[in-house]
């Protein structure tokens, strides 16, 4: 299943990033690019972090993406 459709990042890739120590949305984004486009997957990533670590994920800083023309 894709977690981040914009970047075609799968659930397995996000889980691997979390197991590798990425325990915030920003860290997951840095590890595998999930969540660095529209941001609609941030909530799913937060839920996955919580499920994998048992800790509440830090809320993401949902930045607005501005694209150059």
PDB file of N, CA and C in Angstrom:
ATOM      1  N   UNK A   1       0.844  -1.178   0.000  1.00  0.00           N
ATOM      2  CA  UNK A   1       0.000   0.000   0.000  1.00  0.00           C
ATOM      3  C   UNK A   1       0.891   1.243   0.000  1.00  0.00           C
ATOM      4  N   UNK A   2       0.478   2.248  -0.739  1.00  0.00           N
ATOM      5  CA  UNK A   2       1.204   3.510  -0.738  1.00  0.00           C
ATOM      6  C   UNK A   2       0.751   4.359   0.437  1.00  0.00           C
ATOM      7  N   UNK A   3       1.720   4.896   1.158  1.00  0.00           N
ATOM      8  CA  UNK A   3       1.440   5.848   2.224  1.00  0.00           C
ATOM      9  C   UNK A   3       1.446   7.248   1.614  1.00  0.00           C
ATOM     10  N   UNK A   4       2.450   7.516   0.806  1.00  0.00           N
ATOM     11  CA  UNK A   4       2.596   8.819   0.152  1.00  0.00           C
ATOM     12  C   UNK A   4       2.438   8.612  -1.351  1.00  0.00           C
ATOM     13  N   UNK A   5       1.307   9.006  -1.859  1.00  0.00           N
ATOM     14  CA  UNK A   5       1.030   8.838  -3.279  1.00  0.00           C
ATOM     15  C   UNK A   5       1.874   9.802  -4.113  1.00  0.00           C
ATOM     16  N   UNK A   6       2.090  11.001  -3.618  1.00  0.00           N
ATOM     17  CA  UNK A   6       2.858  11.994  -4.371  1.00  0.00           C
ATOM     18  C   UNK A   6       4.260  11.496  -4.712  1.00  0.00           C
ATOM     19  N   UNK A   7       4.875  10.809  -3.762  1.00  0.00           N
ATOM     20  CA  UNK A   7       6.251  10.326  -3.950  1.00  0.00           C
ATOM     21  C   UNK A   7       6.326   8.814  -4.141  1.00  0.00           C
ATOM     22  N   UNK A   8       5.167   8.145  -4.220  1.00  0.00           N
ATOM     23  CA  UNK A   8       5.093   6.691  -4.416  1.00  0.00           C
ATOM     24  C   UNK A   8       5.904   5.939  -3.366  1.00  0.00           C
ATOM     25  N   UNK A   9       5.707   6.322  -2.098  1.00  0.00           N
ATOM     26  CA  UNK A   9       6.417   5.680  -0.994  1.00  0.00           C
ATOM     27  C   UNK A   9       5.472   4.684  -0.326  1.00  0.00           C
ATOM     28  N   UNK A  10       5.930   3.458  -0.202  1.00  0.00           N
ATOM     29  CA  UNK A  10       5.095   2.393   0.330  1.00  0.00           C
ATOM     30  C   UNK A  10       5.134   2.322   1.852  1.00  0.00           C
ATOM     31  N   UNK A  11       4.170   1.596   2.386  1.00  0.00           N
ATOM     32  CA  UNK A  11       4.075   1.346   3.818  1.00  0.00           C
ATOM     33  C   UNK A  11       5.359   0.674   4.326  1.00  0.00           C
ATOM     34  N   UNK A  12       5.887  -0.268   3.575  1.00  0.00           N
ATOM     35  CA  UNK A  12       7.103  -0.982   3.976  1.00  0.00           C
ATOM     36  C   UNK A  12       8.292  -0.030   4.088  1.00  0.00           C
ATOM     37  N   UNK A  13       8.388   0.908   3.166  1.00  0.00           N
ATOM     38  CA  UNK A  13       9.487   1.872   3.191  1.00  0.00           C
ATOM     39  C   UNK A  13       9.374   2.787   4.396  1.00  0.00           C
ATOM     40  N   UNK A  14       8.168   3.242   4.701  1.00  0.00           N
ATOM     41  CA  UNK A  14       7.966   4.104   5.865  1.00  0.00           C
ATOM     42  C   UNK A  14       8.270   3.330   7.147  1.00  0.00           C
ATOM     43  N   UNK A  15       7.822   2.083   7.234  1.00  0.00           N
ATOM     44  CA  UNK A  15       8.120   1.254   8.417  1.00  0.00           C
ATOM     45  C   UNK A  15       9.622   1.076   8.607  1.00  0.00           C
ATOM     46  N   UNK A  16      10.333   0.862   7.522  1.00  0.00           N
ATOM     47  CA  UNK A  16      11.789   0.706   7.600  1.00  0.00           C
ATOM     48  C   UNK A  16      12.441   1.986   8.109  1.00  0.00           C
ATOM     49  N   UNK A  17      11.946   3.136   7.659  1.00  0.00           N
ATOM     50  CA  UNK A  17      12.483   4.416   8.133  1.00  0.00           C
ATOM     51  C   UNK A  17      12.240   4.579   9.633  1.00  0.00           C
ATOM     52  N   UNK A  18      11.047   4.212  10.080  1.00  0.00           N
ATOM     53  CA  UNK A  18      10.714   4.323  11.505  1.00  0.00           C
ATOM     54  C   UNK A  18      11.592   3.381  12.314  1.00  0.00           C
ATOM     55  N   UNK A  19      11.740   2.141  11.860  1.00  0.00           N
ATOM     56  CA  UNK A  19      12.598   1.176  12.565  1.00  0.00           C
ATOM     57  C   UNK A  19      14.050   1.628  12.564  1.00  0.00           C
ATOM     58  N   UNK A  20      14.427   2.425  11.580  1.00  0.00           N
ATOM     59  CA  UNK A  20      15.778   2.971  11.509  1.00  0.00           C
ATOM     60  C   UNK A  20      15.986   4.207  12.362  1.00  0.00           C
ATOM     61  N   UNK A  21      14.949   4.627  13.095  1.00  0.00           N
ATOM     62  CA  UNK A  21      15.097   5.746  14.024  1.00  0.00           C
ATOM     63  C   UNK A  21      14.346   7.010  13.676  1.00  0.00           C
ATOM     64  N   UNK A  22      13.612   7.023  12.586  1.00  0.00           N
ATOM     65  CA  UNK A  22      12.833   8.210  12.208  1.00  0.00           C
ATOM     66  C   UNK A  22      11.538   8.221  13.017  1.00  0.00           C
ATOM     67  N   UNK A  23      11.492   9.027  14.063  1.00  0.00           N
ATOM     68  CA  UNK A  23      10.342   9.022  14.966  1.00  0.00           C
ATOM     69  C   UNK A  23       9.535  10.308  14.927  1.00  0.00           C
ATOM     70  N   UNK A  24       9.637  11.046  13.840  1.00  0.00           N
ATOM     71  CA  UNK A  24       8.779  12.206  13.589  1.00  0.00           C
ATOM     72  C   UNK A  24       8.501  12.234  12.092  1.00  0.00           C
ATOM     73  N   UNK A  25       7.465  12.959  11.702  1.00  0.00           N
ATOM     74  CA  UNK A  25       7.148  13.055  10.274  1.00  0.00           C
ATOM     75  C   UNK A  25       8.333  13.645   9.519  1.00  0.00           C
ATOM     76  N   UNK A  26       8.946  14.651  10.086  1.00  0.00           N
ATOM     77  CA  UNK A  26      10.080  15.288   9.428  1.00  0.00           C
ATOM     78  C   UNK A  26      11.231  14.299   9.242  1.00  0.00           C
ATOM     79  N   UNK A  27      11.476  13.445  10.241  1.00  0.00           N
ATOM     80  CA  UNK A  27      12.543  12.453  10.129  1.00  0.00           C
ATOM     81  C   UNK A  27      12.211  11.404   9.077  1.00  0.00           C
ATOM     82  N   UNK A  28      10.954  10.983   9.023  1.00  0.00           N
ATOM     83  CA  UNK A  28      10.535  10.025   7.990  1.00  0.00           C
ATOM     84  C   UNK A  28      10.706  10.658   6.617  1.00  0.00           C
ATOM     85  N   UNK A  29      10.316  11.912   6.467  1.00  0.00           N
ATOM     86  CA  UNK A  29      10.467  12.617   5.201  1.00  0.00           C
ATOM     87  C   UNK A  29      11.936  12.672   4.794  1.00  0.00           C
ATOM     88  N   UNK A  30      12.793  12.964   5.750  1.00  0.00           N
ATOM     89  CA  UNK A  30      14.222  13.005   5.456  1.00  0.00           C
ATOM     90  C   UNK A  30      14.780  11.660   5.051  1.00  0.00           C
ATOM     91  N   UNK A  31      14.209  10.594   5.599  1.00  0.00           N
ATOM     92  CA  UNK A  31      14.715   9.253   5.317  1.00  0.00           C
ATOM     93  C   UNK A  31      14.224   8.692   3.982  1.00  0.00           C
ATOM     94  N   UNK A  32      12.975   9.011   3.614  1.00  0.00           N
ATOM     95  CA  UNK A  32      12.429   8.345   2.417  1.00  0.00           C
ATOM     96  C   UNK A  32      11.559   9.251   1.535  1.00  0.00           C
ATOM     97  N   UNK A  33      11.492  10.531   1.818  1.00  0.00           N
ATOM     98  CA  UNK A  33      10.751  11.529   1.041  1.00  0.00           C
ATOM     99  C   UNK A  33       9.231  11.476   1.214  1.00  0.00           C
ATOM    100  N   UNK A  34       8.718  10.539   1.999  1.00  0.00           N
ATOM    101  CA  UNK A  34       7.266  10.503   2.229  1.00  0.00           C
ATOM    102  C   UNK A  34       6.843  11.765   2.958  1.00  0.00           C
ATOM    103  N   UNK A  35       5.835  12.434   2.447  1.00  0.00           N
ATOM    104  CA  UNK A  35       5.285  13.609   3.118  1.00  0.00           C
ATOM    105  C   UNK A  35       5.886  14.932   2.723  1.00  0.00           C
ATOM    106  N   UNK A  36       6.772  14.948   1.725  1.00  0.00           N
ATOM    107  CA  UNK A  36       7.392  16.228   1.401  1.00  0.00           C
ATOM    108  C   UNK A  36       6.713  16.979   0.261  1.00  0.00           C
ATOM    109  N   UNK A  37       5.533  16.514  -0.152  1.00  0.00           N
ATOM    110  CA  UNK A  37       4.830  17.216  -1.226  1.00  0.00           C
ATOM    111  C   UNK A  37       3.563  17.856  -0.665  1.00  0.00           C
ATOM    112  N   UNK A  38       2.421  17.230  -0.794  1.00  0.00           N
ATOM    113  CA  UNK A  38       1.164  17.879  -0.396  1.00  0.00           C
ATOM    114  C   UNK A  38       0.884  17.785   1.106  1.00  0.00           C
ATOM    115  N   UNK A  39       1.462  16.789   1.784  1.00  0.00           N
ATOM    116  CA  UNK A  39       1.287  16.668   3.237  1.00  0.00           C
ATOM    117  C   UNK A  39       0.069  15.899   3.687  1.00  0.00           C
ATOM    118  N   UNK A  40      -0.733  15.401   2.765  1.00  0.00           N
ATOM    119  CA  UNK A  40      -1.951  14.706   3.185  1.00  0.00           C
ATOM    120  C   UNK A  40      -1.656  13.371   3.877  1.00  0.00           C
ATOM    121  N   UNK A  41      -0.457  12.855   3.750  1.00  0.00           N
ATOM    122  CA  UNK A  41      -0.098  11.588   4.386  1.00  0.00           C
ATOM    123  C   UNK A  41       0.493  11.767   5.778  1.00  0.00           C
ATOM    124  N   UNK A  42       0.668  12.989   6.239  1.00  0.00           N
ATOM    125  CA  UNK A  42       1.293  13.222   7.542  1.00  0.00           C
ATOM    126  C   UNK A  42       0.566  12.507   8.671  1.00  0.00           C
ATOM    127  N   UNK A  43      -0.752  12.514   8.650  1.00  0.00           N
ATOM    128  CA  UNK A  43      -1.526  11.841   9.701  1.00  0.00           C
ATOM    129  C   UNK A  43      -1.291  10.343   9.708  1.00  0.00           C
ATOM    130  N   UNK A  44      -1.202   9.747   8.535  1.00  0.00           N
ATOM    131  CA  UNK A  44      -0.942   8.307   8.431  1.00  0.00           C
ATOM    132  C   UNK A  44       0.467   8.002   8.946  1.00  0.00           C
ATOM    133  N   UNK A  45       1.429   8.827   8.583  1.00  0.00           N
ATOM    134  CA  UNK A  45       2.801   8.633   9.052  1.00  0.00           C
ATOM    135  C   UNK A  45       2.845   8.734  10.575  1.00  0.00           C
ATOM    136  N   UNK A  46       2.158   9.714  11.148  1.00  0.00           N
ATOM    137  CA  UNK A  46       2.103   9.856  12.612  1.00  0.00           C
ATOM    138  C   UNK A  46       1.519   8.600  13.249  1.00  0.00           C
ATOM    139  N   UNK A  47       0.447   8.069  12.677  1.00  0.00           N
ATOM    140  CA  UNK A  47      -0.164   6.850  13.204  1.00  0.00           C
ATOM    141  C   UNK A  47       0.794   5.668  13.108  1.00  0.00           C
ATOM    142  N   UNK A  48       1.534   5.583  12.028  1.00  0.00           N
ATOM    143  CA  UNK A  48       2.496   4.494  11.875  1.00  0.00           C
ATOM    144  C   UNK A  48       3.628   4.605  12.885  1.00  0.00           C
ATOM    145  N   UNK A  49       4.083   5.816  13.146  1.00  0.00           N
ATOM    146  CA  UNK A  49       5.124   6.022  14.154  1.00  0.00           C
ATOM    147  C   UNK A  49       4.624   5.554  15.513  1.00  0.00           C
ATOM    148  N   UNK A  50       3.399   5.943  15.856  1.00  0.00           N
ATOM    149  CA  UNK A  50       2.821   5.547  17.139  1.00  0.00           C
ATOM    150  C   UNK A  50       2.670   4.033  17.238  1.00  0.00           C
ATOM    151  N   UNK A  51       2.232   3.391  16.156  1.00  0.00           N
ATOM    152  CA  UNK A  51       2.051   1.935  16.162  1.00  0.00           C
ATOM    153  C   UNK A  51       3.383   1.202  16.277  1.00  0.00           C
ATOM    154  N   UNK A  52       4.402   1.698  15.611  1.00  0.00           N
ATOM    155  CA  UNK A  52       5.708   1.031  15.613  1.00  0.00           C
ATOM    156  C   UNK A  52       6.495   1.272  16.896  1.00  0.00           C
ATOM    157  N   UNK A  53       6.381   2.476  17.469  1.00  0.00           N
ATOM    158  CA  UNK A  53       7.223   2.828  18.620  1.00  0.00           C
ATOM    159  C   UNK A  53       6.488   2.781  19.950  1.00  0.00           C
ATOM    160  N   UNK A  54       5.153   2.852  19.898  1.00  0.00           N
ATOM    161  CA  UNK A  54       4.384   2.918  21.132  1.00  0.00           C
ATOM    162  C   UNK A  54       4.404   4.299  21.762  1.00  0.00           C
ATOM    163  N   UNK A  55       4.986   5.258  21.059  1.00  0.00           N
ATOM    164  CA  UNK A  55       5.071   6.633  21.549  1.00  0.00           C
ATOM    165  C   UNK A  55       4.229   7.534  20.662  1.00  0.00           C
ATOM    166  N   UNK A  56       3.722   8.595  21.256  1.00  0.00           N
ATOM    167  CA  UNK A  56       2.953   9.568  20.485  1.00  0.00           C
ATOM    168  C   UNK A  56       3.923  10.345  19.599  1.00  0.00           C
ATOM    169  N   UNK A  57       3.615  10.399  18.325  1.00  0.00           N
ATOM    170  CA  UNK A  57       4.462  11.116  17.376  1.00  0.00           C
ATOM    171  C   UNK A  57       4.313  12.614  17.580  1.00  0.00           C
ATOM    172  N   UNK A  58       5.412  13.323  17.374  1.00  0.00           N
ATOM    173  CA  UNK A  58       5.345  14.781  17.420  1.00  0.00           C
ATOM    174  C   UNK A  58       4.506  15.250  16.236  1.00  0.00           C
ATOM    175  N   UNK A  59       3.599  16.182  16.449  1.00  0.00           N
ATOM    176  CA  UNK A  59       2.802  16.683  15.313  1.00  0.00           C
ATOM    177  C   UNK A  59       3.711  17.314  14.263  1.00  0.00           C
ATOM    178  N   UNK A  60       3.372  17.104  13.025  1.00  0.00           N
ATOM    179  CA  UNK A  60       4.182  17.673  11.945  1.00  0.00           C
ATOM    180  C   UNK A  60       3.919  19.163  11.835  1.00  0.00           C
ATOM    181  N   UNK A  61       4.845  19.833  11.226  1.00  0.00           N
ATOM    182  CA  UNK A  61       4.707  21.276  11.006  1.00  0.00           C
ATOM    183  C   UNK A  61       4.098  21.531   9.655  1.00  0.00           C
ATOM    184  N   UNK A  62       3.133  20.879   9.256  1.00  0.00           N
ATOM    185  CA  UNK A  62       2.441  20.943   7.965  1.00  0.00           C
ATOM    186  C   UNK A  62       2.709  22.254   7.212  1.00  0.00           C
ATOM    187  N   UNK A  63       3.810  22.265   6.526  1.00  0.00           N
ATOM    188  CA  UNK A  63       4.191  23.440   5.763  1.00  0.00           C
ATOM    189  C   UNK A  63       3.464  23.453   4.427  1.00  0.00           C
ATOM    190  N   UNK A  64       3.120  24.651   3.998  1.00  0.00           N
ATOM    191  CA  UNK A  64       2.484  24.796   2.703  1.00  0.00           C
ATOM    192  C   UNK A  64       3.545  24.670   1.622  1.00  0.00           C
ATOM    193  N   UNK A  65       3.275  23.852   0.645  1.00  0.00           N
ATOM    194  CA  UNK A  65       4.220  23.653  -0.449  1.00  0.00           C
ATOM    195  C   UNK A  65       3.921  24.661  -1.541  1.00  0.00           C
ATOM    196  N   UNK A  66       4.954  25.376  -1.959  1.00  0.00           N
ATOM    197  CA  UNK A  66       4.826  26.343  -3.033  1.00  0.00           C
ATOM    198  C   UNK A  66       5.655  25.828  -4.188  1.00  0.00           C
ATOM    199  N   UNK A  67       5.028  25.681  -5.329  1.00  0.00           N
ATOM    200  CA  UNK A  67       5.725  25.152  -6.500  1.00  0.00           C
ATOM    201  C   UNK A  67       6.068  26.281  -7.463  1.00  0.00           C
ATOM    202  N   UNK A  68       7.247  26.162  -7.999  1.00  0.00           N
ATOM    203  CA  UNK A  68       7.656  27.146  -8.995  1.00  0.00           C
ATOM    204  C   UNK A  68       6.953  26.850 -10.319  1.00  0.00           C
ATOM    205  N   UNK A  69       6.637  27.887 -11.047  1.00  0.00           N
ATOM    206  CA  UNK A  69       5.944  27.711 -12.327  1.00  0.00           C
ATOM    207  C   UNK A  69       6.888  27.300 -13.410  1.00  0.00           C
TER     208      UNK A  69
END
